Amino acid sequence: MRRIDIDPRLMVIICCSFSHLLFPQDIYLNLTCVYPLPEPQDLFQASQMKFEDFQRDLRKLRKDLNACSAETEKVCKLSSEENLQPFKDKMDQFLNQAKTELETQENQLSETQKIFLELTVSFSVKPKAGEKEVSPHTFFSIWHELSTDFKDQWKKQNKLILQERVKMAEECFKQARQKASYNVTPKHATGIVCIVSYFLSVTVWSHLFSIYLL
């Protein structure tokens, strides 16, 4: 697959400024990081999708359903009343459900194609030569290559972040171990300091005791 040409300035933003632009600051506080773009493999599979194939499959299903309905009606007409049930009720239920589901699929396909075309307009993607409108292959191939390049840089950045967190954890452990091994011995007063402190305490308590007696 031919690689797309991306403006070098855009690639600088995508691939070289992860810490400030594409990676939130709190990523450094949370090791659980979810890839922010669709997976490249999912985008590749989407690029292989063709609306024409789905439309063709649905038309075939509609044709088969009409044939089944006609055959069921034919059997019911040729069958006697005593042999008609429960075949008729079960087939009516089956055909009604199949018709409803097929109509749902047709509506969803039509709506999906409409949303897709609106999406291509939003991103200003133009049809290639020979295309009447932008195909999923044209649109998702661009995103597939962009997501592939982005994920390569995303993995590298995550690896750097993990290494930094490991380094921080090792440093914290080292500091905690040093703190635990450092024992502080209380210093006892000696000499004149001890004597003065003793008489001061005796004087204070004596004064308080005399006040209490009064």
C-alpha atoms as a PDB file:
ATOM      1  CA  MET A   1       0.000   0.000   0.000  1.00  0.00           C
ATOM      2  CA  ARG A   2       1.380   3.419  -0.949  1.00  0.00           C
ATOM      3  CA  ARG A   3       2.076   5.624   2.021  1.00  0.00           C
ATOM      4  CA  ILE A   4       0.330   8.953   2.073  1.00  0.00           C
ATOM      5  CA  ASP A   5       2.257  12.227   2.100  1.00  0.00           C
ATOM      6  CA  ILE A   6       1.605  14.143   5.303  1.00  0.00           C
ATOM      7  CA  ASP A   7       2.677  17.733   5.776  1.00  0.00           C
ATOM      8  CA  PRO A   8       5.943  17.641   7.788  1.00  0.00           C
ATOM      9  CA  ARG A   9       4.538  20.253  10.192  1.00  0.00           C
ATOM     10  CA  LEU A  10       1.612  17.948  10.950  1.00  0.00           C
ATOM     11  CA  MET A  11       3.943  15.010  11.510  1.00  0.00           C
ATOM     12  CA  VAL A  12       5.936  17.138  13.977  1.00  0.00           C
ATOM     13  CA  ILE A  13       2.735  17.760  15.937  1.00  0.00           C
ATOM     14  CA  ILE A  14       1.692  14.113  15.775  1.00  0.00           C
ATOM     15  CA  CYS A  15       5.016  12.415  16.399  1.00  0.00           C
ATOM     16  CA  CYS A  16       7.197  14.863  18.348  1.00  0.00           C
ATOM     17  CA  SER A  17       4.913  16.712  20.774  1.00  0.00           C
ATOM     18  CA  PHE A  18       3.152  13.910  22.604  1.00  0.00           C
ATOM     19  CA  SER A  19       3.963  15.151  26.070  1.00  0.00           C
ATOM     20  CA  HIS A  20       2.361  18.545  25.567  1.00  0.00           C
ATOM     21  CA  LEU A  21      -0.269  18.127  22.850  1.00  0.00           C
ATOM     22  CA  LEU A  22      -1.483  14.574  22.441  1.00  0.00           C
ATOM     23  CA  PHE A  23      -0.842  13.119  25.883  1.00  0.00           C
ATOM     24  CA  PRO A  24      -2.769  14.595  28.837  1.00  0.00           C
ATOM     25  CA  GLN A  25      -0.762  15.626  31.851  1.00  0.00           C
ATOM     26  CA  ASP A  26      -2.461  13.111  34.127  1.00  0.00           C
ATOM     27  CA  ILE A  27      -1.059  10.246  32.061  1.00  0.00           C
ATOM     28  CA  TYR A  28       1.981  10.477  34.298  1.00  0.00           C
ATOM     29  CA  LEU A  29      -0.253   9.747  37.272  1.00  0.00           C
ATOM     30  CA  ASN A  30      -2.082   6.828  35.706  1.00  0.00           C
ATOM     31  CA  LEU A  31      -0.373   3.797  34.209  1.00  0.00           C
ATOM     32  CA  THR A  32      -3.601   2.596  32.591  1.00  0.00           C
ATOM     33  CA  CYS A  33      -3.655   4.305  29.198  1.00  0.00           C
ATOM     34  CA  VAL A  34      -6.153   3.524  26.444  1.00  0.00           C
ATOM     35  CA  TYR A  35      -5.090   4.045  22.839  1.00  0.00           C
ATOM     36  CA  PRO A  36      -6.986   7.210  21.811  1.00  0.00           C
ATOM     37  CA  LEU A  37      -7.503   6.374  18.117  1.00  0.00           C
ATOM     38  CA  PRO A  38      -9.229   3.454  16.375  1.00  0.00           C
ATOM     39  CA  GLU A  39      -6.921   0.466  16.085  1.00  0.00           C
ATOM     40  CA  PRO A  40      -5.029   0.295  12.761  1.00  0.00           C
ATOM     41  CA  GLN A  41      -6.374  -3.204  12.113  1.00  0.00           C
ATOM     42  CA  ASP A  42      -9.970  -2.015  12.559  1.00  0.00           C
ATOM     43  CA  LEU A  43      -9.368   0.861  10.171  1.00  0.00           C
ATOM     44  CA  PHE A  44      -7.823  -1.506   7.638  1.00  0.00           C
ATOM     45  CA  GLN A  45     -10.876  -3.766   7.788  1.00  0.00           C
ATOM     46  CA  ALA A  46     -13.136  -0.739   7.383  1.00  0.00           C
ATOM     47  CA  SER A  47     -11.164   0.296   4.305  1.00  0.00           C
ATOM     48  CA  GLN A  48     -12.002  -3.055   2.692  1.00  0.00           C
ATOM     49  CA  MET A  49     -15.740  -2.474   3.043  1.00  0.00           C
ATOM     50  CA  LYS A  50     -17.790  -1.699  -0.062  1.00  0.00           C
ATOM     51  CA  PHE A  51     -21.338  -0.402   0.129  1.00  0.00           C
ATOM     52  CA  GLU A  52     -22.012  -1.966  -3.262  1.00  0.00           C
ATOM     53  CA  ASP A  53     -21.325  -5.443  -1.846  1.00  0.00           C
ATOM     54  CA  PHE A  54     -23.793  -4.945   1.009  1.00  0.00           C
ATOM     55  CA  GLN A  55     -26.416  -3.584  -1.345  1.00  0.00           C
ATOM     56  CA  ARG A  56     -25.963  -6.549  -3.658  1.00  0.00           C
ATOM     57  CA  ASP A  57     -26.289  -8.998  -0.759  1.00  0.00           C
ATOM     58  CA  LEU A  58     -29.465  -7.302   0.466  1.00  0.00           C
ATOM     59  CA  ARG A  59     -30.988  -7.371  -3.026  1.00  0.00           C
ATOM     60  CA  LYS A  60     -30.286 -11.093  -3.186  1.00  0.00           C
ATOM     61  CA  LEU A  61     -31.892 -11.608   0.197  1.00  0.00           C
ATOM     62  CA  ARG A  62     -34.946  -9.646  -0.966  1.00  0.00           C
ATOM     63  CA  LYS A  63     -35.165 -11.809  -4.088  1.00  0.00           C
ATOM     64  CA  ASP A  64     -34.856 -15.032  -2.071  1.00  0.00           C
ATOM     65  CA  LEU A  65     -37.463 -13.823   0.415  1.00  0.00           C
ATOM     66  CA  ASN A  66     -39.940 -13.040  -2.376  1.00  0.00           C
ATOM     67  CA  ALA A  67     -39.353 -16.468  -3.907  1.00  0.00           C
ATOM     68  CA  CYS A  68     -39.900 -18.157  -0.533  1.00  0.00           C
ATOM     69  CA  SER A  69     -43.087 -16.165   0.009  1.00  0.00           C
ATOM     70  CA  ALA A  70     -44.419 -17.120  -3.437  1.00  0.00           C
ATOM     71  CA  GLU A  71     -43.600 -20.790  -2.881  1.00  0.00           C
ATOM     72  CA  THR A  72     -45.305 -20.755   0.520  1.00  0.00           C
ATOM     73  CA  GLU A  73     -48.443 -19.219  -0.994  1.00  0.00           C
ATOM     74  CA  LYS A  74     -48.420 -21.857  -3.702  1.00  0.00           C
ATOM     75  CA  VAL A  75     -48.176 -24.714  -1.185  1.00  0.00           C
ATOM     76  CA  CYS A  76     -50.987 -23.238   0.909  1.00  0.00           C
ATOM     77  CA  LYS A  77     -53.282 -23.036  -2.125  1.00  0.00           C
ATOM     78  CA  LEU A  78     -52.643 -26.667  -3.081  1.00  0.00           C
ATOM     79  CA  SER A  79     -53.052 -28.004   0.473  1.00  0.00           C
ATOM     80  CA  SER A  80     -56.325 -29.069   2.024  1.00  0.00           C
ATOM     81  CA  GLU A  81     -57.612 -27.328   5.148  1.00  0.00           C
ATOM     82  CA  GLU A  82     -56.805 -30.281   7.370  1.00  0.00           C
ATOM     83  CA  ASN A  83     -53.162 -30.312   6.213  1.00  0.00           C
ATOM     84  CA  LEU A  84     -52.678 -26.552   6.131  1.00  0.00           C
ATOM     85  CA  GLN A  85     -51.795 -26.060   9.787  1.00  0.00           C
ATOM     86  CA  PRO A  86     -49.424 -25.551  11.503  1.00  0.00           C
ATOM     87  CA  PHE A  87     -47.408 -24.993   8.309  1.00  0.00           C
ATOM     88  CA  LYS A  88     -49.223 -21.808   7.270  1.00  0.00           C
ATOM     89  CA  ASP A  89     -49.009 -20.059  10.653  1.00  0.00           C
ATOM     90  CA  LYS A  90     -45.341 -20.933  11.144  1.00  0.00           C
ATOM     91  CA  MET A  91     -44.395 -19.804   7.639  1.00  0.00           C
ATOM     92  CA  ASP A  92     -46.371 -16.561   8.007  1.00  0.00           C
ATOM     93  CA  GLN A  93     -44.533 -15.845  11.246  1.00  0.00           C
ATOM     94  CA  PHE A  94     -41.172 -16.654   9.666  1.00  0.00           C
ATOM     95  CA  LEU A  95     -41.802 -14.541   6.561  1.00  0.00           C
ATOM     96  CA  ASN A  96     -43.074 -11.551   8.541  1.00  0.00           C
ATOM     97  CA  GLN A  97     -40.041 -11.629  10.818  1.00  0.00           C
ATOM     98  CA  ALA A  98     -37.662 -12.020   7.854  1.00  0.00           C
ATOM     99  CA  LYS A  99     -39.313  -9.102   6.058  1.00  0.00           C
ATOM    100  CA  THR A 100     -39.021  -6.877   9.119  1.00  0.00           C
ATOM    101  CA  GLU A 101     -35.355  -7.733   9.680  1.00  0.00           C
ATOM    102  CA  LEU A 102     -34.515  -7.224   6.012  1.00  0.00           C
ATOM    103  CA  GLU A 103     -36.155  -3.799   5.974  1.00  0.00           C
ATOM    104  CA  THR A 104     -34.206  -2.888   9.115  1.00  0.00           C
ATOM    105  CA  GLN A 105     -30.942  -3.904   7.464  1.00  0.00           C
ATOM    106  CA  GLU A 106     -31.766  -1.922   4.330  1.00  0.00           C
ATOM    107  CA  ASN A 107     -32.574   1.200   6.368  1.00  0.00           C
ATOM    108  CA  GLN A 108     -29.431   0.861   8.467  1.00  0.00           C
ATOM    109  CA  LEU A 109     -27.265   0.473   5.381  1.00  0.00           C
ATOM    110  CA  SER A 110     -28.823   3.529   3.768  1.00  0.00           C
ATOM    111  CA  GLU A 111     -28.388   5.600   6.930  1.00  0.00           C
ATOM    112  CA  THR A 112     -24.797   4.400   7.402  1.00  0.00           C
ATOM    113  CA  GLN A 113     -23.874   5.362   3.866  1.00  0.00           C
ATOM    114  CA  LYS A 114     -25.451   8.795   4.360  1.00  0.00           C
ATOM    115  CA  ILE A 115     -23.504   9.386   7.589  1.00  0.00           C
ATOM    116  CA  PHE A 116     -20.288   8.192   5.943  1.00  0.00           C
ATOM    117  CA  LEU A 117     -20.645  10.668   3.066  1.00  0.00           C
ATOM    118  CA  GLU A 118     -21.312  13.484   5.545  1.00  0.00           C
ATOM    119  CA  LEU A 119     -18.153  12.433   7.376  1.00  0.00           C
ATOM    120  CA  THR A 120     -16.050  12.626   4.219  1.00  0.00           C
ATOM    121  CA  VAL A 121     -17.354  16.140   3.613  1.00  0.00           C
ATOM    122  CA  SER A 122     -16.432  17.146   7.172  1.00  0.00           C
ATOM    123  CA  PHE A 123     -12.842  16.017   6.579  1.00  0.00           C
ATOM    124  CA  SER A 124     -12.763  17.533   3.081  1.00  0.00           C
ATOM    125  CA  VAL A 125     -11.845  14.221   1.470  1.00  0.00           C
ATOM    126  CA  LYS A 126     -12.362  14.199  -2.283  1.00  0.00           C
ATOM    127  CA  PRO A 127     -13.204  11.184  -4.494  1.00  0.00           C
ATOM    128  CA  LYS A 128     -10.334   9.642  -6.403  1.00  0.00           C
ATOM    129  CA  ALA A 129     -10.256   9.565 -10.179  1.00  0.00           C
ATOM    130  CA  GLY A 130     -12.984   7.256 -11.427  1.00  0.00           C
ATOM    131  CA  GLU A 131     -15.043   7.472  -8.226  1.00  0.00           C
ATOM    132  CA  LYS A 132     -18.441   9.146  -8.168  1.00  0.00           C
ATOM    133  CA  GLU A 133     -18.162   9.599  -4.418  1.00  0.00           C
ATOM    134  CA  VAL A 134     -15.584   8.919  -1.735  1.00  0.00           C
ATOM    135  CA  SER A 135     -15.263   5.197  -1.042  1.00  0.00           C
ATOM    136  CA  PRO A 136     -14.539   3.657   2.370  1.00  0.00           C
ATOM    137  CA  HIS A 137     -11.210   2.467   0.956  1.00  0.00           C
ATOM    138  CA  THR A 138     -10.149   6.023   0.079  1.00  0.00           C
ATOM    139  CA  PHE A 139     -11.227   7.479   3.407  1.00  0.00           C
ATOM    140  CA  PHE A 140     -10.140   4.789   5.877  1.00  0.00           C
ATOM    141  CA  SER A 141      -6.797   4.117   4.156  1.00  0.00           C
ATOM    142  CA  ILE A 142      -5.716   7.623   5.157  1.00  0.00           C
ATOM    143  CA  TRP A 143      -6.767   7.034   8.759  1.00  0.00           C
ATOM    144  CA  HIS A 144      -5.177   3.579   8.774  1.00  0.00           C
ATOM    145  CA  GLU A 145      -1.727   4.950   7.944  1.00  0.00           C
ATOM    146  CA  LEU A 146      -2.129   7.882  10.330  1.00  0.00           C
ATOM    147  CA  SER A 147      -3.180   5.578  13.184  1.00  0.00           C
ATOM    148  CA  THR A 148      -0.300   3.198  12.410  1.00  0.00           C
ATOM    149  CA  ASP A 149       2.279   5.997  12.628  1.00  0.00           C
ATOM    150  CA  PHE A 150       0.636   7.450  15.704  1.00  0.00           C
ATOM    151  CA  LYS A 151       0.557   4.104  17.518  1.00  0.00           C
ATOM    152  CA  ASP A 152       4.271   3.539  16.920  1.00  0.00           C
ATOM    153  CA  GLN A 153       5.038   6.848  18.644  1.00  0.00           C
ATOM    154  CA  TRP A 154       2.378   6.211  21.298  1.00  0.00           C
ATOM    155  CA  LYS A 155       4.064   2.930  22.275  1.00  0.00           C
ATOM    156  CA  LYS A 156       7.461   4.624  22.497  1.00  0.00           C
ATOM    157  CA  GLN A 157       6.049   7.388  24.686  1.00  0.00           C
ATOM    158  CA  ASN A 158       4.298   4.891  26.959  1.00  0.00           C
ATOM    159  CA  LYS A 159       7.565   3.006  27.333  1.00  0.00           C
ATOM    160  CA  LEU A 160       9.362   6.206  28.355  1.00  0.00           C
ATOM    161  CA  ILE A 161       6.606   7.030  30.845  1.00  0.00           C
ATOM    162  CA  LEU A 162       6.785   3.540  32.333  1.00  0.00           C
ATOM    163  CA  GLN A 163      10.558   3.796  32.693  1.00  0.00           C
ATOM    164  CA  GLU A 164      10.145   7.149  34.427  1.00  0.00           C
ATOM    165  CA  ARG A 165       7.563   5.727  36.829  1.00  0.00           C
ATOM    166  CA  VAL A 166       9.838   2.772  37.628  1.00  0.00           C
ATOM    167  CA  LYS A 167      12.700   5.181  38.285  1.00  0.00           C
ATOM    168  CA  MET A 168      10.481   7.267  40.575  1.00  0.00           C
ATOM    169  CA  ALA A 169       9.348   4.156  42.452  1.00  0.00           C
ATOM    170  CA  GLU A 170      12.939   2.989  42.936  1.00  0.00           C
ATOM    171  CA  GLU A 171      13.916   6.423  44.241  1.00  0.00           C
ATOM    172  CA  CYS A 172      10.994   6.482  46.694  1.00  0.00           C
ATOM    173  CA  PHE A 173      11.911   3.010  47.929  1.00  0.00           C
ATOM    174  CA  LYS A 174      15.525   4.076  48.367  1.00  0.00           C
ATOM    175  CA  GLN A 175      14.537   7.152  50.367  1.00  0.00           C
ATOM    176  CA  ALA A 176      12.147   5.124  52.541  1.00  0.00           C
ATOM    177  CA  ARG A 177      14.836   2.574  53.285  1.00  0.00           C
ATOM    178  CA  GLN A 178      17.346   5.285  54.210  1.00  0.00           C
ATOM    179  CA  LYS A 179      14.793   6.974  56.464  1.00  0.00           C
ATOM    180  CA  ALA A 180      13.996   3.676  58.212  1.00  0.00           C
ATOM    181  CA  SER A 181      17.690   3.036  58.924  1.00  0.00           C
ATOM    182  CA  TYR A 182      18.261   6.514  60.347  1.00  0.00           C
ATOM    183  CA  ASN A 183      17.624   6.472  64.136  1.00  0.00           C
ATOM    184  CA  VAL A 184      17.339   9.724  66.067  1.00  0.00           C
ATOM    185  CA  THR A 185      18.670   9.562  69.657  1.00  0.00           C
ATOM    186  CA  PRO A 186      17.053  12.147  71.945  1.00  0.00           C
ATOM    187  CA  LYS A 187      19.567  14.492  73.578  1.00  0.00           C
ATOM    188  CA  HIS A 188      19.356  14.755  77.355  1.00  0.00           C
ATOM    189  CA  ALA A 189      20.212  18.012  79.104  1.00  0.00           C
ATOM    190  CA  THR A 190      23.326  17.925  81.281  1.00  0.00           C
ATOM    191  CA  GLY A 191      25.359  20.238  83.475  1.00  0.00           C
ATOM    192  CA  ILE A 192      24.154  23.747  84.196  1.00  0.00           C
ATOM    193  CA  VAL A 193      21.269  23.411  81.717  1.00  0.00           C
ATOM    194  CA  CYS A 194      19.888  20.412  83.592  1.00  0.00           C
ATOM    195  CA  ILE A 195      20.165  22.182  86.986  1.00  0.00           C
ATOM    196  CA  VAL A 196      18.545  25.398  85.806  1.00  0.00           C
ATOM    197  CA  SER A 197      15.729  23.502  84.102  1.00  0.00           C
ATOM    198  CA  TYR A 198      15.098  21.506  87.259  1.00  0.00           C
ATOM    199  CA  PHE A 199      14.849  24.552  89.531  1.00  0.00           C
ATOM    200  CA  LEU A 200      12.680  26.397  87.039  1.00  0.00           C
ATOM    201  CA  SER A 201      10.249  23.508  86.946  1.00  0.00           C
ATOM    202  CA  VAL A 202      10.245  23.235  90.743  1.00  0.00           C
ATOM    203  CA  THR A 203       9.654  26.986  91.055  1.00  0.00           C
ATOM    204  CA  VAL A 204       6.746  26.957  88.640  1.00  0.00           C
ATOM    205  CA  TRP A 205       5.031  24.013  90.278  1.00  0.00           C
ATOM    206  CA  SER A 206       5.565  25.475  93.763  1.00  0.00           C
ATOM    207  CA  HIS A 207       4.011  28.757  92.694  1.00  0.00           C
ATOM    208  CA  LEU A 208       1.018  26.957  91.162  1.00  0.00           C
ATOM    209  CA  PHE A 209       0.582  24.843  94.290  1.00  0.00           C
ATOM    210  CA  SER A 210       0.614  27.917  96.543  1.00  0.00           C
ATOM    211  CA  ILE A 211      -2.031  29.586  94.415  1.00  0.00           C
ATOM    212  CA  TYR A 212      -4.167  26.448  94.656  1.00  0.00           C
ATOM    213  CA  LEU A 213      -3.895  26.453  98.478  1.00  0.00           C
ATOM    214  CA  LEU A 214      -5.095  30.058  98.644  1.00  0.00           C
END
